[in-house]
Protein backbone atom coordinates (compact mmCIF):
# COMPACT_ATOMS: atom_id res chain seq x y z
CA MET A 1 85.11 95.09 95.33
CA ILE A 2 86.59 98.34 94.02
CA SER A 3 84.76 101.57 94.82
CA ASP A 4 84.43 104.23 92.12
CA LYS A 5 84.55 106.93 94.81
CA ALA A 6 87.54 109.24 94.53
CA LEU A 7 90.21 108.52 97.13
CA GLU A 8 91.67 111.54 98.86
CA LEU A 9 95.21 111.29 100.17
CA ASN A 10 97.57 113.67 101.93
CA ILE A 11 101.07 113.33 100.52
CA SER A 12 104.01 114.99 102.27
CA LEU A 13 107.75 114.86 101.72
CA VAL A 14 110.19 114.02 104.51
CA LEU A 15 113.36 116.05 104.00
CA GLU A 16 116.72 115.96 105.72
CA VAL A 17 119.64 118.40 105.60
CA ARG A 18 122.84 116.71 104.43
CA GLY A 19 125.80 119.08 104.22
CA ASP A 20 125.06 121.68 101.55
CA SER A 21 121.98 119.92 100.19
CA VAL A 22 118.44 119.06 101.17
CA GLU A 23 117.68 115.37 100.57
CA CYS A 24 114.21 113.89 100.31
CA ILE A 25 114.39 110.68 102.35
CA GLY A 26 110.80 109.60 101.91
CA ILE A 27 107.20 110.26 100.90
CA GLN A 28 104.45 109.98 103.53
CA VAL A 29 100.91 109.13 102.36
CA ILE A 30 98.03 109.57 104.82
CA LYS A 31 94.26 109.36 104.31
CA PRO A 32 92.42 112.35 105.83
CA GLY A 33 90.76 111.80 109.19
CA GLY A 34 93.19 109.40 110.76
CA GLY A 35 96.72 108.10 111.19
CA LEU A 36 98.56 105.62 109.03
CA ALA A 37 97.58 102.41 110.78
CA GLY A 38 94.01 103.61 111.45
CA ASN A 39 93.43 103.98 107.73
CA GLY A 40 94.68 100.59 106.78
CA ILE A 41 98.06 101.87 105.60
CA ASP A 42 101.18 100.05 106.70
CA PRO A 43 103.43 102.76 108.23
CA HIS A 44 106.55 100.85 107.18
CA ARG A 45 105.47 100.80 103.54
CA ALA A 46 104.35 104.44 103.47
CA MET A 47 107.94 105.68 103.21
CA THR A 48 109.72 105.52 99.87
CA ARG A 49 113.27 106.83 99.30
CA THR A 50 113.62 109.33 96.49
CA GLY A 51 116.26 111.63 95.04
CA LYS A 52 118.15 114.74 96.13
CA GLU A 53 117.57 118.45 95.77
CA THR A 54 120.61 120.71 96.13
CA SER A 55 119.02 124.15 96.07
CA GLY A 56 117.98 126.25 99.07
CA THR A 57 114.42 126.73 100.33
CA ASN A 58 112.55 130.02 99.88
CA GLY A 59 115.80 131.91 99.47
CA VAL A 60 117.40 130.37 102.58
CA PRO A 61 120.96 129.14 101.85
CA PRO A 62 121.21 125.31 101.83
CA TRP A 63 123.37 125.14 104.96
CA CYS A 64 120.65 127.03 106.89
CA VAL A 65 117.70 124.83 105.93
CA SER A 66 116.11 122.92 108.80
CA HIS A 67 113.02 120.73 109.06
CA ALA A 68 111.13 123.74 110.38
CA HIS A 69 112.07 125.76 107.27
CA VAL A 70 111.02 123.01 104.91
CA SER A 71 107.73 121.82 106.40
CA GLY A 72 106.90 124.43 109.02
CA LYS A 73 106.28 121.60 111.50
CA GLY A 74 109.69 120.60 112.80
CA PRO A 75 110.23 116.80 113.19
CA THR A 76 108.42 114.33 110.93
CA GLN A 77 104.97 113.16 112.01
CA ASP A 78 105.77 109.45 112.14
CA GLY A 79 107.54 109.92 115.48
CA ALA A 80 110.97 108.99 114.15
CA GLN A 81 113.82 110.93 115.67
CA HIS A 82 116.03 112.42 112.96
CA GLU A 83 119.18 114.05 114.30
CA GLU A 84 119.70 117.16 112.24
CA LYS A 85 123.16 117.55 110.79
CA LYS A 86 124.15 121.19 110.66
CA GLU A 87 127.19 122.35 108.78
CA GLU A 88 127.98 125.96 109.58
CA PRO A 89 131.60 126.46 108.54
CA ILE A 90 131.16 130.20 108.59
CA GLY A 91 129.03 132.64 110.48
CA THR A 92 128.20 133.64 114.01
CA THR A 93 124.56 132.95 114.72
CA ALA A 94 121.71 130.64 113.83
CA ASP A 95 120.28 133.25 111.44
CA CYS A 96 123.10 132.35 109.05
CA ARG A 97 124.82 135.71 109.05
CA ASN A 98 128.32 134.89 107.83
CA THR A 99 131.51 136.50 109.05
CA TRP A 100 134.42 137.48 106.80
CA ILE A 101 137.76 139.24 106.85
CA PHE A 102 138.33 141.63 103.92
CA GLN A 103 141.99 142.49 103.42
CA ALA A 104 143.49 145.69 101.99
CA SER A 105 147.14 146.30 101.23
CA SER A 106 148.70 149.53 102.46
CA GLU A 107 150.85 149.33 99.33
CA PHE A 108 147.82 149.89 97.11
CA SER A 109 145.56 152.08 99.27
CA ASP A 110 145.47 154.16 102.43
CA VAL A 111 142.85 151.97 104.05
CA ARG A 112 143.22 153.46 107.53
CA SER A 113 142.48 156.99 106.33
CA ALA A 114 139.58 155.69 104.25
CA ALA A 115 138.14 153.93 107.29
CA ARG A 116 138.42 157.11 109.36
CA THR A 117 136.80 159.24 106.63
CA LEU A 118 134.15 157.14 104.89
CA ARG A 119 131.29 155.12 106.27
CA GLU A 120 130.42 153.36 103.00
CA HIS A 121 133.10 151.37 101.17
CA THR A 122 133.27 149.02 98.22
CA TRP A 123 135.60 146.02 98.27
CA LEU A 124 136.89 143.81 95.52
CA VAL A 125 135.43 140.28 95.63
CA GLN A 126 137.90 137.67 94.45
CA GLN A 127 136.90 134.74 96.64
CA HIS A 128 133.57 133.32 97.93
CA LYS A 129 131.45 135.50 95.64
CA GLU A 130 128.48 133.12 95.88
CA GLN A 131 128.40 133.17 99.69
CA ILE A 132 128.88 136.84 100.56
CA LYS A 133 125.46 138.39 101.16
CA SER A 134 123.74 141.39 102.71
CA GLY A 135 123.85 141.46 106.49
CA ASP A 136 127.11 139.52 106.75
CA ARG A 137 129.66 140.77 109.27
CA VAL A 138 133.04 141.93 107.95
CA TYR A 139 136.31 142.64 109.76
CA VAL A 140 138.46 145.10 107.81
CA TRP A 141 142.09 144.01 107.75
CA GLU A 142 145.18 146.01 106.80
CA SER A 143 148.01 143.82 105.55
CA GLY A 144 151.66 144.05 106.55
CA PRO A 145 153.88 142.84 109.43
CA ARG A 146 152.15 145.20 111.86
CA GLY A 147 148.78 144.86 110.22
CA GLY A 148 145.57 143.50 111.60
CA ILE A 149 141.91 144.31 112.13
CA ILE A 150 141.16 148.04 111.94
CA GLY A 151 137.39 148.06 111.58
CA LEU A 152 134.10 146.22 111.88
CA ALA A 153 131.57 146.50 109.04
CA GLU A 154 128.43 144.96 107.59
CA VAL A 155 127.64 144.00 104.00
CA SER A 156 125.01 146.49 102.82
CA GLU A 157 124.72 145.25 99.21
CA PRO A 158 125.62 141.85 97.69
CA PRO A 159 128.48 141.63 95.16
CA ARG A 160 127.86 143.11 91.72
CA ILE A 161 129.88 144.51 88.83
CA GLN A 162 130.58 148.19 89.49
CA PRO A 163 133.36 150.80 89.30
CA GLU A 164 135.43 152.12 92.18
CA PRO A 165 133.41 154.97 93.81
CA LYS A 166 134.80 158.46 93.27
CA GLU A 167 135.04 159.12 97.00
CA GLN A 168 137.38 156.17 97.43
CA LEU A 169 139.73 157.21 94.62
CA LEU A 170 141.27 159.78 96.97
CA PHE A 171 142.72 156.94 99.05
CA ILE A 172 144.00 154.80 96.18
CA ARG A 173 147.78 154.58 95.75
CA ASN A 174 147.77 152.27 92.74
CA SER A 175 144.92 153.19 90.39
CA GLU A 176 145.69 150.35 87.96
CA LYS A 177 144.93 147.83 90.68
CA PHE A 178 141.35 149.06 91.01
CA ARG A 179 140.61 150.34 87.49
CA GLY A 180 137.40 149.51 85.61
CA ASP A 181 134.15 147.73 86.35
CA ARG A 182 134.90 144.83 88.67
CA LEU A 183 133.01 142.53 90.99
CA ARG A 184 132.70 144.53 94.20
CA VAL A 185 130.66 144.37 97.38
CA LYS A 186 129.43 147.37 99.34
CA ILE A 187 130.00 147.44 103.09
CA ARG A 188 129.00 149.90 105.82
CA LEU A 189 131.54 150.60 108.55
CA LEU A 190 130.06 150.06 112.01
CA LYS A 191 133.10 150.61 114.19
CA LEU A 192 136.65 151.87 113.81
CA ILE A 193 138.98 149.68 115.87
CA GLU A 194 141.88 151.62 117.36
CA PRO A 195 144.38 150.41 118.26
CA ALA A 196 144.25 147.67 115.64
CA ILE A 197 143.93 144.04 116.71
CA GLN A 198 147.33 143.06 115.40
CA ARG A 199 148.32 139.98 113.46
CA THR A 200 150.98 139.11 116.04
CA TYR A 201 148.40 139.11 118.83
CA LEU A 202 145.95 136.89 116.96
CA SER A 203 148.77 134.49 116.01
CA SER A 204 149.58 134.03 119.70
CA ARG A 205 146.09 132.80 120.60
CA ALA A 206 145.14 129.15 120.25
CA GLU A 207 141.58 129.85 119.05
CA PHE A 208 142.97 131.47 115.90
CA ALA A 209 145.40 128.68 115.02
CA THR A 210 143.43 127.93 111.84
CA LEU A 211 142.33 131.49 110.99
CA SER A 212 142.52 131.50 107.20
CA ILE A 213 144.16 134.91 106.80
CA LEU A 214 147.02 133.85 109.11
CA ARG A 215 147.59 130.56 107.27
CA ARG A 216 147.19 131.79 103.67
CA PRO A 217 147.40 135.59 103.67
CA ARG A 218 147.60 136.15 99.90
CA ALA A 219 143.91 136.75 99.18
CA THR A 220 141.22 139.41 99.55
CA ASN A 221 138.18 137.76 101.10
CA PHE A 222 138.61 135.23 103.92
CA ARG A 223 136.19 132.93 105.70
CA VAL A 224 135.82 133.15 109.47
CA THR A 225 134.39 130.12 111.28
CA ARG A 226 131.65 130.43 113.87
CA GLU A 227 134.10 129.74 116.72
CA GLU A 228 136.62 132.27 115.42
CA ALA A 229 133.89 134.87 114.95
CA LYS A 230 132.74 134.40 118.54
CA ALA A 231 136.31 134.87 119.79
CA LEU A 232 136.74 138.03 117.70
CA GLU A 233 133.48 139.43 119.02
CA GLY A 234 134.75 138.86 122.55
CA ILE A 235 137.93 140.82 121.84
CA VAL A 236 136.05 143.74 120.26
CA ASP A 237 133.51 143.82 123.10
CA GLY A 238 136.37 143.80 125.61
CA MET A 239 137.93 146.78 123.89
CA ALA A 240 134.63 148.66 124.07
CA VAL A 241 134.38 148.04 127.83
CA ALA A 242 137.97 149.19 128.32
CA ALA A 243 137.33 152.34 126.24
CA ALA A 244 134.25 153.18 128.32
CA LEU A 245 136.30 152.79 131.50
CA HIS A 246 138.97 155.01 130.02
CA ASP A 247 136.41 157.73 129.23
CA SER A 248 135.22 157.68 132.84
CA LEU A 249 138.73 158.35 134.18
CA ARG A 250 139.20 162.08 133.85
CA GLY A 251 142.66 163.50 133.54
CA GLU A 252 144.34 160.07 133.55
CA LYS A 253 146.23 158.51 130.63
CA ARG A 254 146.12 154.73 130.56
CA ILE A 255 146.51 151.91 128.08
CA VAL A 256 142.94 150.71 127.59
CA PHE A 257 143.65 147.57 125.57
CA ALA A 258 146.60 145.35 126.36
CA GLN A 259 147.34 142.41 124.10
CA ALA A 260 148.39 139.86 126.68
């Protein structure tokens, strides 16, 4: 006998992060007021595989999406244990703040003087334009045989088409290189790093064996992996401790950062 009473069902999606996409692996149907089996529903037949969705969730980049982001409840309710696959090729922390190296050539601009003078900078974006976002950490790199990291900054505005700011034109040595409205990102300098963390020093350390700027230096915007970012943070923090010790030693001149 078929009842003409309306049947109420709770339908929820079971999602799983796969690389740079969020895949729906099933649909769960539950009658209100009880579990699957208690309502006459076969738990094994309540799951149906469906398609794939490649966009992020609520503005969260796809590689940051977790079950908690998608459903607000963490693991699925059927008790199955789904091991979450996280791909975080870039960044430093679980909040998905990425880390980059932005390179400037001393042939085209006096980047060291600009870093000492200006707090706000714009930088050409020629690689990874879709992934650079506000809040990302940026290491400022001066190119050349004795080049290296000269500053630590943060992305204050995402990339957009804009001209070179007037205040930066004073430090430009090749105006043609930076002429016109181009895709640029705005960064805010957090720390001037002196002495620079030199290329030769980074090349000598095993944890930077695959650092992209050392392997393929002819670019502007470089990815930094989570492991590399953690190692760089350790170096910068070590320099800060050494500088504080140096300031506490009155009347003494010492090398406060040795690249061993």
